[in-house]
């Protein structure tokens, strides 16, 4: 069993705390990026919907045969 001094344990704990804070910062960045992607996807979906509503369908040869 390894024995650590108080100073060594404090160093380990503070290093772990720094790592947790760094991971928390990364999670915040990822959440922001996810929100930006979600917003971009929604805008794109809305634009596609608007385009489909204004898009004029031209008759194709198959549609002419049915008539």
PDB file of N, CA and C in Angstrom:
ATOM      1  N   UNK A   1       0.845  -1.184   0.000  1.00  0.00           N
ATOM      2  CA  UNK A   1       0.000   0.000   0.000  1.00  0.00           C
ATOM      3  C   UNK A   1       0.890   1.248   0.000  1.00  0.00           C
ATOM      4  N   UNK A   2       0.598   2.151  -0.929  1.00  0.00           N
ATOM      5  CA  UNK A   2       1.401   3.362  -1.050  1.00  0.00           C
ATOM      6  C   UNK A   2       0.986   4.371   0.012  1.00  0.00           C
ATOM      7  N   UNK A   3       1.968   5.077   0.499  1.00  0.00           N
ATOM      8  CA  UNK A   3       1.706   6.121   1.493  1.00  0.00           C
ATOM      9  C   UNK A   3       2.041   7.466   0.868  1.00  0.00           C
ATOM     10  N   UNK A   4       1.155   8.431   1.055  1.00  0.00           N
ATOM     11  CA  UNK A   4       1.355   9.768   0.518  1.00  0.00           C
ATOM     12  C   UNK A   4       1.442  10.770   1.666  1.00  0.00           C
ATOM     13  N   UNK A   5       2.225  11.801   1.419  1.00  0.00           N
ATOM     14  CA  UNK A   5       2.284  12.879   2.399  1.00  0.00           C
ATOM     15  C   UNK A   5       1.079  13.788   2.181  1.00  0.00           C
ATOM     16  N   UNK A   6       0.827  14.637   3.148  1.00  0.00           N
ATOM     17  CA  UNK A   6      -0.285  15.589   3.028  1.00  0.00           C
ATOM     18  C   UNK A   6      -0.079  16.482   1.810  1.00  0.00           C
ATOM     19  N   UNK A   7       1.131  16.909   1.571  1.00  0.00           N
ATOM     20  CA  UNK A   7       1.428  17.783   0.424  1.00  0.00           C
ATOM     21  C   UNK A   7       1.159  17.059  -0.895  1.00  0.00           C
ATOM     22  N   UNK A   8       1.529  15.773  -0.954  1.00  0.00           N
ATOM     23  CA  UNK A   8       1.279  15.000  -2.173  1.00  0.00           C
ATOM     24  C   UNK A   8      -0.224  14.826  -2.423  1.00  0.00           C
ATOM     25  N   UNK A   9      -0.957  14.538  -1.359  1.00  0.00           N
ATOM     26  CA  UNK A   9      -2.410  14.376  -1.483  1.00  0.00           C
ATOM     27  C   UNK A   9      -3.068  15.686  -1.904  1.00  0.00           C
ATOM     28  N   UNK A  10      -2.615  16.796  -1.336  1.00  0.00           N
ATOM     29  CA  UNK A  10      -3.160  18.102  -1.717  1.00  0.00           C
ATOM     30  C   UNK A  10      -2.888  18.378  -3.185  1.00  0.00           C
ATOM     31  N   UNK A  11      -1.697  18.039  -3.655  1.00  0.00           N
ATOM     32  CA  UNK A  11      -1.359  18.242  -5.062  1.00  0.00           C
ATOM     33  C   UNK A  11      -2.271  17.400  -5.953  1.00  0.00           C
ATOM     34  N   UNK A  12      -2.506  16.161  -5.581  1.00  0.00           N
ATOM     35  CA  UNK A  12      -3.395  15.276  -6.351  1.00  0.00           C
ATOM     36  C   UNK A  12      -4.809  15.845  -6.395  1.00  0.00           C
ATOM     37  N   UNK A  13      -5.306  16.280  -5.239  1.00  0.00           N
ATOM     38  CA  UNK A  13      -6.664  16.812  -5.165  1.00  0.00           C
ATOM     39  C   UNK A  13      -6.794  18.081  -5.998  1.00  0.00           C
ATOM     40  N   UNK A  14      -5.828  18.977  -5.917  1.00  0.00           N
ATOM     41  CA  UNK A  14      -5.896  20.225  -6.687  1.00  0.00           C
ATOM     42  C   UNK A  14      -5.763  19.960  -8.188  1.00  0.00           C
ATOM     43  N   UNK A  15      -4.954  18.969  -8.551  1.00  0.00           N
ATOM     44  CA  UNK A  15      -4.846  18.600  -9.968  1.00  0.00           C
ATOM     45  C   UNK A  15      -6.181  18.048 -10.471  1.00  0.00           C
ATOM     46  N   UNK A  16      -6.824  17.214  -9.661  1.00  0.00           N
ATOM     47  CA  UNK A  16      -8.137  16.687 -10.037  1.00  0.00           C
ATOM     48  C   UNK A  16      -9.161  17.808 -10.153  1.00  0.00           C
ATOM     49  N   UNK A  17      -9.110  18.768  -9.257  1.00  0.00           N
ATOM     50  CA  UNK A  17     -10.025  19.910  -9.312  1.00  0.00           C
ATOM     51  C   UNK A  17      -9.805  20.721 -10.588  1.00  0.00           C
ATOM     52  N   UNK A  18      -8.559  20.946 -10.937  1.00  0.00           N
ATOM     53  CA  UNK A  18      -8.260  21.663 -12.177  1.00  0.00           C
ATOM     54  C   UNK A  18      -8.804  20.902 -13.392  1.00  0.00           C
ATOM     55  N   UNK A  19      -8.628  19.586 -13.377  1.00  0.00           N
ATOM     56  CA  UNK A  19      -9.135  18.766 -14.483  1.00  0.00           C
ATOM     57  C   UNK A  19     -10.660  18.833 -14.554  1.00  0.00           C
ATOM     58  N   UNK A  20     -11.333  18.788 -13.421  1.00  0.00           N
ATOM     59  CA  UNK A  20     -12.791  18.887 -13.405  1.00  0.00           C
ATOM     60  C   UNK A  20     -13.262  20.238 -13.935  1.00  0.00           C
ATOM     61  N   UNK A  21     -12.559  21.296 -13.546  1.00  0.00           N
ATOM     62  CA  UNK A  21     -12.911  22.631 -14.035  1.00  0.00           C
ATOM     63  C   UNK A  21     -12.696  22.734 -15.545  1.00  0.00           C
ATOM     64  N   UNK A  22     -11.626  22.130 -16.041  1.00  0.00           N
ATOM     65  CA  UNK A  22     -11.352  22.134 -17.484  1.00  0.00           C
ATOM     66  C   UNK A  22     -12.441  21.350 -18.223  1.00  0.00           C
ATOM     67  N   UNK A  23     -12.842  20.200 -17.668  1.00  0.00           N
ATOM     68  CA  UNK A  23     -13.913  19.417 -18.297  1.00  0.00           C
ATOM     69  C   UNK A  23     -15.229  20.189 -18.284  1.00  0.00           C
ATOM     70  N   UNK A  24     -15.499  20.909 -17.203  1.00  0.00           N
ATOM     71  CA  UNK A  24     -16.713  21.715 -17.117  1.00  0.00           C
ATOM     72  C   UNK A  24     -16.712  22.808 -18.184  1.00  0.00           C
ATOM     73  N   UNK A  25     -15.549  23.432 -18.388  1.00  0.00           N
ATOM     74  CA  UNK A  25     -15.429  24.447 -19.437  1.00  0.00           C
ATOM     75  C   UNK A  25     -15.698  23.834 -20.817  1.00  0.00           C
ATOM     76  N   UNK A  26     -15.149  22.642 -21.052  1.00  0.00           N
ATOM     77  CA  UNK A  26     -15.381  21.967 -22.332  1.00  0.00           C
ATOM     78  C   UNK A  26     -16.862  21.620 -22.513  1.00  0.00           C
ATOM     79  N   UNK A  27     -17.506  21.180 -21.449  1.00  0.00           N
ATOM     80  CA  UNK A  27     -18.934  20.867 -21.535  1.00  0.00           C
ATOM     81  C   UNK A  27     -19.753  22.107 -21.867  1.00  0.00           C
ATOM     82  N   UNK A  28     -19.380  23.246 -21.288  1.00  0.00           N
ATOM     83  CA  UNK A  28     -20.084  24.501 -21.601  1.00  0.00           C
ATOM     84  C   UNK A  28     -19.914  24.854 -23.076  1.00  0.00           C
ATOM     85  N   UNK A  29     -18.701  24.698 -23.580  1.00  0.00           N
ATOM     86  CA  UNK A  29     -18.433  24.986 -24.992  1.00  0.00           C
ATOM     87  C   UNK A  29     -19.240  24.046 -25.881  1.00  0.00           C
ATOM     88  N   UNK A  30     -19.262  22.767 -25.525  1.00  0.00           N
ATOM     89  CA  UNK A  30     -20.007  21.796 -26.322  1.00  0.00           C
ATOM     90  C   UNK A  30     -21.506  22.094 -26.301  1.00  0.00           C
ATOM     91  N   UNK A  31     -22.018  22.529 -25.163  1.00  0.00           N
ATOM     92  CA  UNK A  31     -23.435  22.879 -25.074  1.00  0.00           C
ATOM     93  C   UNK A  31     -23.738  24.073 -25.963  1.00  0.00           C
ATOM     94  N   UNK A  32     -22.863  25.069 -25.944  1.00  0.00           N
ATOM     95  CA  UNK A  32     -23.043  26.243 -26.810  1.00  0.00           C
ATOM     96  C   UNK A  32     -23.011  25.833 -28.277  1.00  0.00           C
ATOM     97  N   UNK A  33     -22.040  24.991 -28.650  1.00  0.00           N
ATOM     98  CA  UNK A  33     -21.957  24.522 -30.031  1.00  0.00           C
ATOM     99  C   UNK A  33     -23.200  23.734 -30.415  1.00  0.00           C
ATOM    100  N   UNK A  34     -23.694  22.906 -29.512  1.00  0.00           N
ATOM    101  CA  UNK A  34     -24.899  22.125 -29.771  1.00  0.00           C
ATOM    102  C   UNK A  34     -26.099  23.044 -29.983  1.00  0.00           C
ATOM    103  N   UNK A  35     -26.205  24.089 -29.172  1.00  0.00           N
ATOM    104  CA  UNK A  35     -27.300  25.057 -29.335  1.00  0.00           C
ATOM    105  C   UNK A  35     -27.198  25.761 -30.688  1.00  0.00           C
ATOM    106  N   UNK A  36     -25.987  26.134 -31.086  1.00  0.00           N
ATOM    107  CA  UNK A  36     -25.786  26.792 -32.380  1.00  0.00           C
ATOM    108  C   UNK A  36     -26.172  25.854 -33.532  1.00  0.00           C
ATOM    109  N   UNK A  37     -25.789  24.595 -33.428  1.00  0.00           N
ATOM    110  CA  UNK A  37     -26.140  23.615 -34.465  1.00  0.00           C
ATOM    111  C   UNK A  37     -27.648  23.406 -34.509  1.00  0.00           C
ATOM    112  N   UNK A  38     -28.278  23.321 -33.345  1.00  0.00           N
ATOM    113  CA  UNK A  38     -29.729  23.146 -33.292  1.00  0.00           C
ATOM    114  C   UNK A  38     -30.431  24.331 -33.945  1.00  0.00           C
ATOM    115  N   UNK A  39     -29.992  25.535 -33.647  1.00  0.00           N
ATOM    116  CA  UNK A  39     -30.580  26.734 -34.255  1.00  0.00           C
ATOM    117  C   UNK A  39     -30.372  26.755 -35.768  1.00  0.00           C
ATOM    118  N   UNK A  40     -29.172  26.385 -36.209  1.00  0.00           N
ATOM    119  CA  UNK A  40     -28.893  26.352 -37.645  1.00  0.00           C
ATOM    120  C   UNK A  40     -29.769  25.313 -38.334  1.00  0.00           C
ATOM    121  N   UNK A  41     -29.936  24.159 -37.714  1.00  0.00           N
ATOM    122  CA  UNK A  41     -30.786  23.115 -38.283  1.00  0.00           C
ATOM    123  C   UNK A  41     -32.235  23.572 -38.374  1.00  0.00           C
ATOM    124  N   UNK A  42     -32.706  24.280 -37.364  1.00  0.00           N
ATOM    125  CA  UNK A  42     -34.083  24.775 -37.378  1.00  0.00           C
ATOM    126  C   UNK A  42     -34.280  25.790 -38.490  1.00  0.00           C
ATOM    127  N   UNK A  43     -33.299  26.696 -38.637  1.00  0.00           N
ATOM    128  CA  UNK A  43     -33.387  27.690 -39.711  1.00  0.00           C
ATOM    129  C   UNK A  43     -33.378  27.015 -41.080  1.00  0.00           C
ATOM    130  N   UNK A  44     -32.508  26.029 -41.239  1.00  0.00           N
ATOM    131  CA  UNK A  44     -32.445  25.311 -42.506  1.00  0.00           C
ATOM    132  C   UNK A  44     -33.749  24.578 -42.784  1.00  0.00           C
ATOM    133  N   UNK A  45     -34.300  23.950 -41.757  1.00  0.00           N
ATOM    134  CA  UNK A  45     -35.585  23.255 -41.904  1.00  0.00           C
ATOM    135  C   UNK A  45     -36.687  24.225 -42.312  1.00  0.00           C
ATOM    136  N   UNK A  46     -36.707  25.404 -41.690  1.00  0.00           N
ATOM    137  CA  UNK A  46     -37.708  26.417 -42.042  1.00  0.00           C
ATOM    138  C   UNK A  46     -37.523  26.896 -43.484  1.00  0.00           C
ATOM    139  N   UNK A  47     -36.260  27.096 -43.887  1.00  0.00           N
ATOM    140  CA  UNK A  47     -35.993  27.536 -45.256  1.00  0.00           C
ATOM    141  C   UNK A  47     -36.428  26.474 -46.267  1.00  0.00           C
ATOM    142  N   UNK A  48     -36.177  25.222 -45.959  1.00  0.00           N
ATOM    143  CA  UNK A  48     -36.592  24.134 -46.854  1.00  0.00           C
ATOM    144  C   UNK A  48     -38.112  24.090 -46.945  1.00  0.00           C
ATOM    145  N   UNK A  49     -38.770  24.247 -45.816  1.00  0.00           N
ATOM    146  CA  UNK A  49     -40.236  24.254 -45.795  1.00  0.00           C
ATOM    147  C   UNK A  49     -40.773  25.404 -46.645  1.00  0.00           C
ATOM    148  N   UNK A  50     -40.211  26.599 -46.480  1.00  0.00           N
ATOM    149  CA  UNK A  50     -40.630  27.760 -47.277  1.00  0.00           C
ATOM    150  C   UNK A  50     -40.371  27.524 -48.761  1.00  0.00           C
ATOM    151  N   UNK A  51     -39.226  26.927 -49.076  1.00  0.00           N
ATOM    152  CA  UNK A  51     -38.898  26.659 -50.469  1.00  0.00           C
ATOM    153  C   UNK A  51     -39.896  25.681 -51.075  1.00  0.00           C
ATOM    154  N   UNK A  52     -40.230  24.634 -50.330  1.00  0.00           N
ATOM    155  CA  UNK A  52     -41.181  23.640 -50.839  1.00  0.00           C
ATOM    156  C   UNK A  52     -42.559  24.255 -51.054  1.00  0.00           C
ATOM    157  N   UNK A  53     -42.936  25.199 -50.212  1.00  0.00           N
ATOM    158  CA  UNK A  53     -44.244  25.841 -50.357  1.00  0.00           C
ATOM    159  C   UNK A  53     -44.293  26.731 -51.594  1.00  0.00           C
ATOM    160  N   UNK A  54     -43.169  27.334 -51.940  1.00  0.00           N
ATOM    161  CA  UNK A  54     -43.157  28.247 -53.095  1.00  0.00           C
ATOM    162  C   UNK A  54     -42.725  27.544 -54.374  1.00  0.00           C
ATOM    163  N   UNK A  55     -42.241  26.338 -54.269  1.00  0.00           N
ATOM    164  CA  UNK A  55     -41.757  25.595 -55.416  1.00  0.00           C
ATOM    165  C   UNK A  55     -42.929  25.199 -56.311  1.00  0.00           C
ATOM    166  N   UNK A  56     -42.797  25.479 -57.589  1.00  0.00           N
ATOM    167  CA  UNK A  56     -43.845  25.135 -58.553  1.00  0.00           C
ATOM    168  C   UNK A  56     -43.490  23.799 -59.168  1.00  0.00           C
ATOM    169  N   UNK A  57     -44.416  22.868 -59.089  1.00  0.00           N
ATOM    170  CA  UNK A  57     -44.166  21.562 -59.686  1.00  0.00           C
ATOM    171  C   UNK A  57     -44.543  21.609 -61.157  1.00  0.00           C
ATOM    172  N   UNK A  58     -43.588  21.282 -61.997  1.00  0.00           N
ATOM    173  CA  UNK A  58     -43.840  21.230 -63.429  1.00  0.00           C
ATOM    174  C   UNK A  58     -44.251  19.814 -63.791  1.00  0.00           C
ATOM    175  N   UNK A  59     -45.191  19.668 -64.710  1.00  0.00           N
ATOM    176  CA  UNK A  59     -45.631  18.331 -65.082  1.00  0.00           C
ATOM    177  C   UNK A  59     -44.494  17.556 -65.742  1.00  0.00           C
ATOM    178  N   UNK A  60     -44.418  16.298 -65.394  1.00  0.00           N
ATOM    179  CA  UNK A  60     -43.415  15.425 -66.008  1.00  0.00           C
ATOM    180  C   UNK A  60     -44.116  14.545 -67.016  1.00  0.00           C
ATOM    181  N   UNK A  61     -43.356  13.815 -67.776  1.00  0.00           N
ATOM    182  CA  UNK A  61     -43.937  12.933 -68.785  1.00  0.00           C
ATOM    183  C   UNK A  61     -44.868  11.920 -68.138  1.00  0.00           C
ATOM    184  N   UNK A  62     -44.519  11.414 -66.983  1.00  0.00           N
ATOM    185  CA  UNK A  62     -45.347  10.440 -66.277  1.00  0.00           C
ATOM    186  C   UNK A  62     -46.679  11.053 -65.867  1.00  0.00           C
ATOM    187  N   UNK A  63     -46.655  12.294 -65.382  1.00  0.00           N
ATOM    188  CA  UNK A  63     -47.896  12.955 -64.978  1.00  0.00           C
ATOM    189  C   UNK A  63     -48.777  13.244 -66.194  1.00  0.00           C
ATOM    190  N   UNK A  64     -48.203  13.535 -67.340  1.00  0.00           N
ATOM    191  CA  UNK A  64     -48.987  13.815 -68.537  1.00  0.00           C
ATOM    192  C   UNK A  64     -49.716  12.571 -69.018  1.00  0.00           C
ATOM    193  N   UNK A  65     -49.056  11.402 -68.870  1.00  0.00           N
ATOM    194  CA  UNK A  65     -49.682  10.147 -69.317  1.00  0.00           C
ATOM    195  C   UNK A  65     -50.901   9.813 -68.476  1.00  0.00           C
ATOM    196  N   UNK A  66     -50.856  10.161 -67.183  1.00  0.00           N
ATOM    197  CA  UNK A  66     -51.981   9.863 -66.296  1.00  0.00           C
ATOM    198  C   UNK A  66     -53.201  10.684 -66.672  1.00  0.00           C
ATOM    199  N   UNK A  67     -53.008  11.905 -67.152  1.00  0.00           N
ATOM    200  CA  UNK A  67     -54.109  12.789 -67.501  1.00  0.00           C
ATOM    201  C   UNK A  67     -54.631  12.388 -68.828  1.00  0.00           C
TER     202      UNK A  67
END
